[in-house]
């Protein structure tokens, strides 16, 4: 026969590979893992199979789900103990959808759980005592912070009332607040910082204060004056002199 016979050679399927996964950085809590492949996959979803996938140790069993080329793995309990946790997937639970090619992972991918960051707290502030003029406030935190410095943000920080608006600056873990006009009227002035203007640098945690810190402005001291002295009349022998002031005094008494 002179009839032509045609053969077709198709493109070989590329080797099944992991193209990405999350999380790629250390986390405080390992709750969900995703692994992305370069082709669609399928999975065996009965409960017995799910317990064979684990992180770090068999005590950290996981469930899983497949959507297209993405495998989502969820530990039965979120992992919060710091350490490295390698992923184990026995061969045959996950396969390539197009041809049943088996997938296995034996600790080639590890995830890191880091120590949880301590709650953000104020460790100190100034002034702590009443002042005659409130010109500058500093607030120190237990971690580095950052701020939004546009005029709209600054005008939302105030002392006592909105008429006492403030500017602010951040350096490391110290927030410096400066009233637009120094406050000299005696009274108590609660600090207001709306949420979101100042954040924790490490993770964007929002900081807010709504009059939890109060600063006191006191009346200025009257000028120190002599209010009396003795003797006021002529004496035959000047042995003792007393001078009375309008406020307490102290002195250096060395010879």
C-alpha atoms as a PDB file:
ATOM      1  CA  UNK A   1       0.000   0.000   0.000  1.00  0.00           C
ATOM      2  CA  UNK A   2       1.186   3.491  -0.744  1.00  0.00           C
ATOM      3  CA  UNK A   3      -1.035   5.038   1.905  1.00  0.00           C
ATOM      4  CA  UNK A   4       0.982   7.281   4.250  1.00  0.00           C
ATOM      5  CA  UNK A   5       1.058   6.392   7.905  1.00  0.00           C
ATOM      6  CA  UNK A   6       1.437   9.365  10.254  1.00  0.00           C
ATOM      7  CA  UNK A   7       2.821   9.229  13.764  1.00  0.00           C
ATOM      8  CA  UNK A   8       2.569  12.036  16.271  1.00  0.00           C
ATOM      9  CA  UNK A   9       5.133  12.738  18.924  1.00  0.00           C
ATOM     10  CA  UNK A  10       3.718  14.980  21.613  1.00  0.00           C
ATOM     11  CA  UNK A  11       5.541  17.358  23.901  1.00  0.00           C
ATOM     12  CA  UNK A  12       6.910  15.522  26.911  1.00  0.00           C
ATOM     13  CA  UNK A  13       5.271  16.557  30.165  1.00  0.00           C
ATOM     14  CA  UNK A  14       7.604  18.695  32.204  1.00  0.00           C
ATOM     15  CA  UNK A  15       8.739  17.164  35.467  1.00  0.00           C
ATOM     16  CA  UNK A  16       6.334  17.955  38.295  1.00  0.00           C
ATOM     17  CA  UNK A  17       7.924  20.643  40.442  1.00  0.00           C
ATOM     18  CA  UNK A  18       7.106  22.909  43.339  1.00  0.00           C
ATOM     19  CA  UNK A  19       7.053  26.492  42.086  1.00  0.00           C
ATOM     20  CA  UNK A  20       6.356  28.181  45.414  1.00  0.00           C
ATOM     21  CA  UNK A  21       5.091  27.807  48.955  1.00  0.00           C
ATOM     22  CA  UNK A  22       3.978  29.859  51.943  1.00  0.00           C
ATOM     23  CA  UNK A  23       4.952  30.921  54.505  1.00  0.00           C
ATOM     24  CA  UNK A  24       8.529  31.558  53.369  1.00  0.00           C
ATOM     25  CA  UNK A  25       9.444  33.605  56.443  1.00  0.00           C
ATOM     26  CA  UNK A  26       9.297  32.748  60.133  1.00  0.00           C
ATOM     27  CA  UNK A  27       5.848  33.162  61.675  1.00  0.00           C
ATOM     28  CA  UNK A  28       4.620  33.348  65.260  1.00  0.00           C
ATOM     29  CA  UNK A  29       1.790  30.917  64.530  1.00  0.00           C
ATOM     30  CA  UNK A  30       1.828  28.228  61.815  1.00  0.00           C
ATOM     31  CA  UNK A  31      -1.814  27.858  60.805  1.00  0.00           C
ATOM     32  CA  UNK A  32      -1.879  27.326  57.037  1.00  0.00           C
ATOM     33  CA  UNK A  33       0.645  26.137  54.440  1.00  0.00           C
ATOM     34  CA  UNK A  34       0.233  26.379  50.675  1.00  0.00           C
ATOM     35  CA  UNK A  35       2.369  24.554  48.110  1.00  0.00           C
ATOM     36  CA  UNK A  36       2.077  25.464  44.432  1.00  0.00           C
ATOM     37  CA  UNK A  37       3.052  23.028  41.651  1.00  0.00           C
ATOM     38  CA  UNK A  38       3.612  23.555  37.935  1.00  0.00           C
ATOM     39  CA  UNK A  39       0.619  21.323  37.058  1.00  0.00           C
ATOM     40  CA  UNK A  40      -2.773  20.383  38.479  1.00  0.00           C
ATOM     41  CA  UNK A  41      -2.805  17.825  41.268  1.00  0.00           C
ATOM     42  CA  UNK A  42      -5.304  15.515  42.945  1.00  0.00           C
ATOM     43  CA  UNK A  43      -5.518  14.172  46.496  1.00  0.00           C
ATOM     44  CA  UNK A  44      -6.886  11.285  48.551  1.00  0.00           C
ATOM     45  CA  UNK A  45      -9.056  12.993  51.163  1.00  0.00           C
ATOM     46  CA  UNK A  46     -10.099  10.288  53.644  1.00  0.00           C
ATOM     47  CA  UNK A  47      -9.271  10.920  57.299  1.00  0.00           C
ATOM     48  CA  UNK A  48      -6.722   8.129  57.546  1.00  0.00           C
ATOM     49  CA  UNK A  49      -4.666   9.686  54.769  1.00  0.00           C
ATOM     50  CA  UNK A  50      -4.864  13.136  56.278  1.00  0.00           C
ATOM     51  CA  UNK A  51      -3.240  11.991  59.513  1.00  0.00           C
ATOM     52  CA  UNK A  52      -0.213  10.768  57.531  1.00  0.00           C
ATOM     53  CA  UNK A  53       0.701  14.323  56.575  1.00  0.00           C
ATOM     54  CA  UNK A  54       2.488  16.025  59.431  1.00  0.00           C
ATOM     55  CA  UNK A  55       4.755  18.928  60.343  1.00  0.00           C
ATOM     56  CA  UNK A  56       7.867  18.333  62.410  1.00  0.00           C
ATOM     57  CA  UNK A  57       6.481  15.326  64.273  1.00  0.00           C
ATOM     58  CA  UNK A  58       3.483  13.024  63.950  1.00  0.00           C
ATOM     59  CA  UNK A  59       1.862  14.850  66.850  1.00  0.00           C
ATOM     60  CA  UNK A  60       1.402  17.763  64.417  1.00  0.00           C
ATOM     61  CA  UNK A  61      -0.975  16.012  62.022  1.00  0.00           C
ATOM     62  CA  UNK A  62      -2.594  17.992  59.195  1.00  0.00           C
ATOM     63  CA  UNK A  63      -5.620  18.069  56.945  1.00  0.00           C
ATOM     64  CA  UNK A  64      -5.286  19.151  53.316  1.00  0.00           C
ATOM     65  CA  UNK A  65      -7.197  20.414  50.305  1.00  0.00           C
ATOM     66  CA  UNK A  66      -6.402  20.617  46.597  1.00  0.00           C
ATOM     67  CA  UNK A  67      -7.522  23.299  44.163  1.00  0.00           C
ATOM     68  CA  UNK A  68      -5.964  23.211  40.712  1.00  0.00           C
ATOM     69  CA  UNK A  69      -2.209  23.214  41.209  1.00  0.00           C
ATOM     70  CA  UNK A  70      -2.322  24.420  44.843  1.00  0.00           C
ATOM     71  CA  UNK A  71      -2.130  22.156  47.870  1.00  0.00           C
ATOM     72  CA  UNK A  72      -3.345  23.755  51.126  1.00  0.00           C
ATOM     73  CA  UNK A  73      -2.239  22.088  54.353  1.00  0.00           C
ATOM     74  CA  UNK A  74      -3.754  22.928  57.736  1.00  0.00           C
ATOM     75  CA  UNK A  75      -2.252  21.607  60.994  1.00  0.00           C
ATOM     76  CA  UNK A  76      -4.968  20.130  63.224  1.00  0.00           C
ATOM     77  CA  UNK A  77      -3.807  22.620  65.874  1.00  0.00           C
ATOM     78  CA  UNK A  78      -1.967  25.846  65.060  1.00  0.00           C
ATOM     79  CA  UNK A  79       1.734  25.456  65.913  1.00  0.00           C
ATOM     80  CA  UNK A  80       3.086  28.208  68.188  1.00  0.00           C
ATOM     81  CA  UNK A  81       6.110  26.531  69.826  1.00  0.00           C
ATOM     82  CA  UNK A  82       9.258  28.130  68.323  1.00  0.00           C
ATOM     83  CA  UNK A  83      11.320  25.847  66.093  1.00  0.00           C
ATOM     84  CA  UNK A  84      11.729  24.422  62.594  1.00  0.00           C
ATOM     85  CA  UNK A  85       8.976  22.145  61.266  1.00  0.00           C
ATOM     86  CA  UNK A  86       9.707  20.003  58.214  1.00  0.00           C
ATOM     87  CA  UNK A  87       6.802  18.794  56.101  1.00  0.00           C
ATOM     88  CA  UNK A  88       6.214  15.073  55.482  1.00  0.00           C
ATOM     89  CA  UNK A  89       3.795  13.841  52.786  1.00  0.00           C
ATOM     90  CA  UNK A  90       3.964  10.058  52.119  1.00  0.00           C
ATOM     91  CA  UNK A  91       3.980   8.986  48.463  1.00  0.00           C
ATOM     92  CA  UNK A  92       0.587   8.387  46.909  1.00  0.00           C
ATOM     93  CA  UNK A  93      -1.624  10.762  48.889  1.00  0.00           C
ATOM     94  CA  UNK A  94      -1.101  13.563  46.375  1.00  0.00           C
ATOM     95  CA  UNK A  95      -0.679  12.877  42.661  1.00  0.00           C
ATOM     96  CA  UNK A  96      -0.449  14.649  39.340  1.00  0.00           C
ATOM     97  CA  UNK A  97      -3.967  14.912  37.952  1.00  0.00           C
ATOM     98  CA  UNK A  98      -3.112  14.278  34.293  1.00  0.00           C
ATOM     99  CA  UNK A  99      -1.251  11.000  34.740  1.00  0.00           C
ATOM    100  CA  UNK A 100      -1.381   9.924  38.384  1.00  0.00           C
ATOM    101  CA  UNK A 101       2.312  10.665  38.980  1.00  0.00           C
ATOM    102  CA  UNK A 102       2.867  10.292  42.713  1.00  0.00           C
ATOM    103  CA  UNK A 103       4.094  13.138  44.873  1.00  0.00           C
ATOM    104  CA  UNK A 104       5.977  12.792  48.118  1.00  0.00           C
ATOM    105  CA  UNK A 105       7.813  15.179  50.419  1.00  0.00           C
ATOM    106  CA  UNK A 106      10.143  14.017  53.146  1.00  0.00           C
ATOM    107  CA  UNK A 107      11.251  17.140  55.002  1.00  0.00           C
ATOM    108  CA  UNK A 108      12.584  18.927  51.900  1.00  0.00           C
ATOM    109  CA  UNK A 109      10.554  21.971  52.960  1.00  0.00           C
ATOM    110  CA  UNK A 110      10.771  23.341  56.498  1.00  0.00           C
ATOM    111  CA  UNK A 111       8.805  26.138  58.130  1.00  0.00           C
ATOM    112  CA  UNK A 112      10.020  28.238  61.052  1.00  0.00           C
ATOM    113  CA  UNK A 113       7.926  29.305  64.016  1.00  0.00           C
ATOM    114  CA  UNK A 114       9.504  32.211  65.882  1.00  0.00           C
ATOM    115  CA  UNK A 115       9.078  33.506  69.396  1.00  0.00           C
ATOM    116  CA  UNK A 116       5.923  35.581  69.664  1.00  0.00           C
ATOM    117  CA  UNK A 117       6.568  39.297  69.980  1.00  0.00           C
ATOM    118  CA  UNK A 118       5.771  40.624  73.430  1.00  0.00           C
ATOM    119  CA  UNK A 119       2.728  42.867  73.614  1.00  0.00           C
ATOM    120  CA  UNK A 120       3.571  46.458  72.723  1.00  0.00           C
ATOM    121  CA  UNK A 121       3.695  48.492  75.911  1.00  0.00           C
ATOM    122  CA  UNK A 122       4.609  51.935  77.145  1.00  0.00           C
ATOM    123  CA  UNK A 123       7.667  51.641  79.381  1.00  0.00           C
ATOM    124  CA  UNK A 124       7.910  55.285  80.376  1.00  0.00           C
ATOM    125  CA  UNK A 125       6.987  58.874  79.583  1.00  0.00           C
ATOM    126  CA  UNK A 126       7.881  62.453  80.485  1.00  0.00           C
ATOM    127  CA  UNK A 127       6.993  64.701  82.192  1.00  0.00           C
ATOM    128  CA  UNK A 128       5.747  62.584  85.090  1.00  0.00           C
ATOM    129  CA  UNK A 129       5.348  65.527  87.473  1.00  0.00           C
ATOM    130  CA  UNK A 130       3.365  68.733  87.164  1.00  0.00           C
ATOM    131  CA  UNK A 131       5.072  71.424  85.079  1.00  0.00           C
ATOM    132  CA  UNK A 132       4.427  75.139  84.683  1.00  0.00           C
ATOM    133  CA  UNK A 133       4.747  74.892  80.899  1.00  0.00           C
ATOM    134  CA  UNK A 134       3.955  71.772  78.837  1.00  0.00           C
ATOM    135  CA  UNK A 135       6.254  72.039  75.837  1.00  0.00           C
ATOM    136  CA  UNK A 136       7.482  68.524  75.029  1.00  0.00           C
ATOM    137  CA  UNK A 137       6.254  65.015  75.817  1.00  0.00           C
ATOM    138  CA  UNK A 138       8.178  61.779  75.278  1.00  0.00           C
ATOM    139  CA  UNK A 139       6.669  58.299  75.329  1.00  0.00           C
ATOM    140  CA  UNK A 140       8.938  55.242  75.307  1.00  0.00           C
ATOM    141  CA  UNK A 141       7.756  51.827  74.080  1.00  0.00           C
ATOM    142  CA  UNK A 142       9.274  48.358  74.404  1.00  0.00           C
ATOM    143  CA  UNK A 143       9.802  48.091  70.627  1.00  0.00           C
ATOM    144  CA  UNK A 144      10.549  50.326  67.651  1.00  0.00           C
ATOM    145  CA  UNK A 145       7.667  52.318  66.205  1.00  0.00           C
ATOM    146  CA  UNK A 146       6.961  54.426  63.118  1.00  0.00           C
ATOM    147  CA  UNK A 147       4.467  57.139  62.272  1.00  0.00           C
ATOM    148  CA  UNK A 148       2.481  58.921  59.590  1.00  0.00           C
ATOM    149  CA  UNK A 149       3.835  62.465  59.530  1.00  0.00           C
ATOM    150  CA  UNK A 150       1.462  64.448  57.277  1.00  0.00           C
ATOM    151  CA  UNK A 151      -0.256  67.525  58.728  1.00  0.00           C
ATOM    152  CA  UNK A 152      -3.679  65.852  58.753  1.00  0.00           C
ATOM    153  CA  UNK A 153      -2.328  63.061  60.952  1.00  0.00           C
ATOM    154  CA  UNK A 154      -0.519  65.482  63.253  1.00  0.00           C
ATOM    155  CA  UNK A 155      -3.622  67.596  63.805  1.00  0.00           C
ATOM    156  CA  UNK A 156      -5.463  64.513  65.105  1.00  0.00           C
ATOM    157  CA  UNK A 157      -3.072  64.154  68.045  1.00  0.00           C
ATOM    158  CA  UNK A 158      -4.059  66.529  70.813  1.00  0.00           C
ATOM    159  CA  UNK A 159      -3.848  67.267  74.546  1.00  0.00           C
ATOM    160  CA  UNK A 160      -6.967  67.890  76.592  1.00  0.00           C
ATOM    161  CA  UNK A 161      -8.942  69.306  73.695  1.00  0.00           C
ATOM    162  CA  UNK A 162      -8.583  69.584  69.937  1.00  0.00           C
ATOM    163  CA  UNK A 163      -7.490  73.202  70.341  1.00  0.00           C
ATOM    164  CA  UNK A 164      -4.206  71.812  71.709  1.00  0.00           C
ATOM    165  CA  UNK A 165      -3.016  70.066  68.543  1.00  0.00           C
ATOM    166  CA  UNK A 166       0.465  68.532  68.407  1.00  0.00           C
ATOM    167  CA  UNK A 167       3.223  67.565  66.024  1.00  0.00           C
ATOM    168  CA  UNK A 168       5.228  64.406  66.613  1.00  0.00           C
ATOM    169  CA  UNK A 169       8.449  62.625  65.715  1.00  0.00           C
ATOM    170  CA  UNK A 170       9.629  59.044  66.059  1.00  0.00           C
ATOM    171  CA  UNK A 171      13.146  57.809  66.744  1.00  0.00           C
ATOM    172  CA  UNK A 172      13.538  54.118  67.464  1.00  0.00           C
ATOM    173  CA  UNK A 173      11.146  53.284  70.280  1.00  0.00           C
ATOM    174  CA  UNK A 174      10.612  56.891  71.401  1.00  0.00           C
ATOM    175  CA  UNK A 175       7.680  59.075  70.367  1.00  0.00           C
ATOM    176  CA  UNK A 176       8.209  62.804  70.911  1.00  0.00           C
ATOM    177  CA  UNK A 177       5.085  64.975  70.948  1.00  0.00           C
ATOM    178  CA  UNK A 178       5.202  68.765  70.761  1.00  0.00           C
ATOM    179  CA  UNK A 179       2.070  70.902  71.292  1.00  0.00           C
ATOM    180  CA  UNK A 180       1.695  73.488  68.518  1.00  0.00           C
ATOM    181  CA  UNK A 181       1.655  76.061  71.347  1.00  0.00           C
ATOM    182  CA  UNK A 182       3.176  75.427  74.776  1.00  0.00           C
ATOM    183  CA  UNK A 183       0.378  74.842  77.317  1.00  0.00           C
ATOM    184  CA  UNK A 184       0.569  77.107  80.389  1.00  0.00           C
ATOM    185  CA  UNK A 185      -3.025  77.147  81.631  1.00  0.00           C
ATOM    186  CA  UNK A 186      -3.152  75.108  84.857  1.00  0.00           C
ATOM    187  CA  UNK A 187      -5.073  71.840  84.597  1.00  0.00           C
ATOM    188  CA  UNK A 188      -4.861  68.214  83.522  1.00  0.00           C
ATOM    189  CA  UNK A 189      -4.371  67.319  79.859  1.00  0.00           C
ATOM    190  CA  UNK A 190      -5.169  63.807  78.599  1.00  0.00           C
ATOM    191  CA  UNK A 191      -3.299  62.683  75.492  1.00  0.00           C
ATOM    192  CA  UNK A 192      -5.280  61.439  72.457  1.00  0.00           C
ATOM    193  CA  UNK A 193      -3.609  59.502  69.615  1.00  0.00           C
ATOM    194  CA  UNK A 194      -6.088  57.971  67.127  1.00  0.00           C
ATOM    195  CA  UNK A 195      -5.393  54.388  66.057  1.00  0.00           C
ATOM    196  CA  UNK A 196      -3.204  53.976  62.990  1.00  0.00           C
ATOM    197  CA  UNK A 197      -1.062  57.116  63.103  1.00  0.00           C
ATOM    198  CA  UNK A 198       1.639  55.351  65.116  1.00  0.00           C
ATOM    199  CA  UNK A 199       2.423  51.676  64.457  1.00  0.00           C
ATOM    200  CA  UNK A 200       4.845  49.015  65.589  1.00  0.00           C
ATOM    201  CA  UNK A 201       7.670  48.890  63.056  1.00  0.00           C
ATOM    202  CA  UNK A 202       8.082  45.113  63.161  1.00  0.00           C
ATOM    203  CA  UNK A 203       4.534  44.157  62.219  1.00  0.00           C
ATOM    204  CA  UNK A 204       2.389  47.260  61.698  1.00  0.00           C
ATOM    205  CA  UNK A 205       0.514  46.779  64.977  1.00  0.00           C
ATOM    206  CA  UNK A 206      -1.585  49.909  65.516  1.00  0.00           C
ATOM    207  CA  UNK A 207      -1.119  52.110  68.560  1.00  0.00           C
ATOM    208  CA  UNK A 208      -3.799  54.324  70.047  1.00  0.00           C
ATOM    209  CA  UNK A 209      -4.141  56.368  73.224  1.00  0.00           C
ATOM    210  CA  UNK A 210      -7.354  57.918  74.435  1.00  0.00           C
ATOM    211  CA  UNK A 211      -6.447  59.943  77.529  1.00  0.00           C
ATOM    212  CA  UNK A 212      -4.834  56.977  79.324  1.00  0.00           C
ATOM    213  CA  UNK A 213      -1.880  59.282  80.019  1.00  0.00           C
ATOM    214  CA  UNK A 214      -2.568  62.621  81.663  1.00  0.00           C
ATOM    215  CA  UNK A 215      -0.123  65.499  82.078  1.00  0.00           C
ATOM    216  CA  UNK A 216      -0.541  68.236  84.657  1.00  0.00           C
ATOM    217  CA  UNK A 217       0.200  71.909  84.238  1.00  0.00           C
ATOM    218  CA  UNK A 218       0.509  73.806  87.512  1.00  0.00           C
ATOM    219  CA  UNK A 219       0.316  77.508  88.265  1.00  0.00           C
ATOM    220  CA  UNK A 220       3.740  79.162  88.104  1.00  0.00           C
ATOM    221  CA  UNK A 221       5.458  79.897  91.399  1.00  0.00           C
ATOM    222  CA  UNK A 222       5.247  83.439  92.660  1.00  0.00           C
ATOM    223  CA  UNK A 223       8.561  85.287  92.715  1.00  0.00           C
ATOM    224  CA  UNK A 224      10.576  84.465  95.852  1.00  0.00           C
ATOM    225  CA  UNK A 225      10.189  87.366  98.249  1.00  0.00           C
ATOM    226  CA  UNK A 226      11.099  88.289 101.812  1.00  0.00           C
ATOM    227  CA  UNK A 227       7.923  88.522 103.851  1.00  0.00           C
ATOM    228  CA  UNK A 228       9.519  89.496 107.161  1.00  0.00           C
ATOM    229  CA  UNK A 229      12.632  89.559 109.316  1.00  0.00           C
ATOM    230  CA  UNK A 230      13.810  90.103 112.882  1.00  0.00           C
ATOM    231  CA  UNK A 231      14.907  92.126 114.636  1.00  0.00           C
ATOM    232  CA  UNK A 232      12.963  95.014 113.159  1.00  0.00           C
ATOM    233  CA  UNK A 233      13.955  97.444 115.881  1.00  0.00           C
ATOM    234  CA  UNK A 234      17.303  98.624 117.200  1.00  0.00           C
ATOM    235  CA  UNK A 235      18.954  96.224 119.639  1.00  0.00           C
ATOM    236  CA  UNK A 236      21.874  96.587 121.999  1.00  0.00           C
ATOM    237  CA  UNK A 237      23.326  93.198 120.945  1.00  0.00           C
ATOM    238  CA  UNK A 238      22.767  91.642 117.487  1.00  0.00           C
ATOM    239  CA  UNK A 239      22.933  87.911 118.148  1.00  0.00           C
ATOM    240  CA  UNK A 240      20.273  86.333 115.919  1.00  0.00           C
ATOM    241  CA  UNK A 241      18.634  87.352 112.678  1.00  0.00           C
ATOM    242  CA  UNK A 242      15.655  85.639 111.081  1.00  0.00           C
ATOM    243  CA  UNK A 243      14.448  86.181 107.520  1.00  0.00           C
ATOM    244  CA  UNK A 244      11.133  84.744 106.362  1.00  0.00           C
ATOM    245  CA  UNK A 245      10.352  84.041 102.675  1.00  0.00           C
ATOM    246  CA  UNK A 246       7.099  83.290 100.852  1.00  0.00           C
ATOM    247  CA  UNK A 247       8.264  79.766 100.001  1.00  0.00           C
ATOM    248  CA  UNK A 248      10.530  77.063 101.360  1.00  0.00           C
ATOM    249  CA  UNK A 249      14.231  77.594 100.831  1.00  0.00           C
ATOM    250  CA  UNK A 250      17.421  75.555 101.056  1.00  0.00           C
ATOM    251  CA  UNK A 251      21.082  76.433 101.163  1.00  0.00           C
ATOM    252  CA  UNK A 252      24.676  75.234 101.136  1.00  0.00           C
ATOM    253  CA  UNK A 253      26.011  75.442 104.675  1.00  0.00           C
ATOM    254  CA  UNK A 254      29.711  74.610 104.471  1.00  0.00           C
ATOM    255  CA  UNK A 255      32.173  77.071 106.010  1.00  0.00           C
END
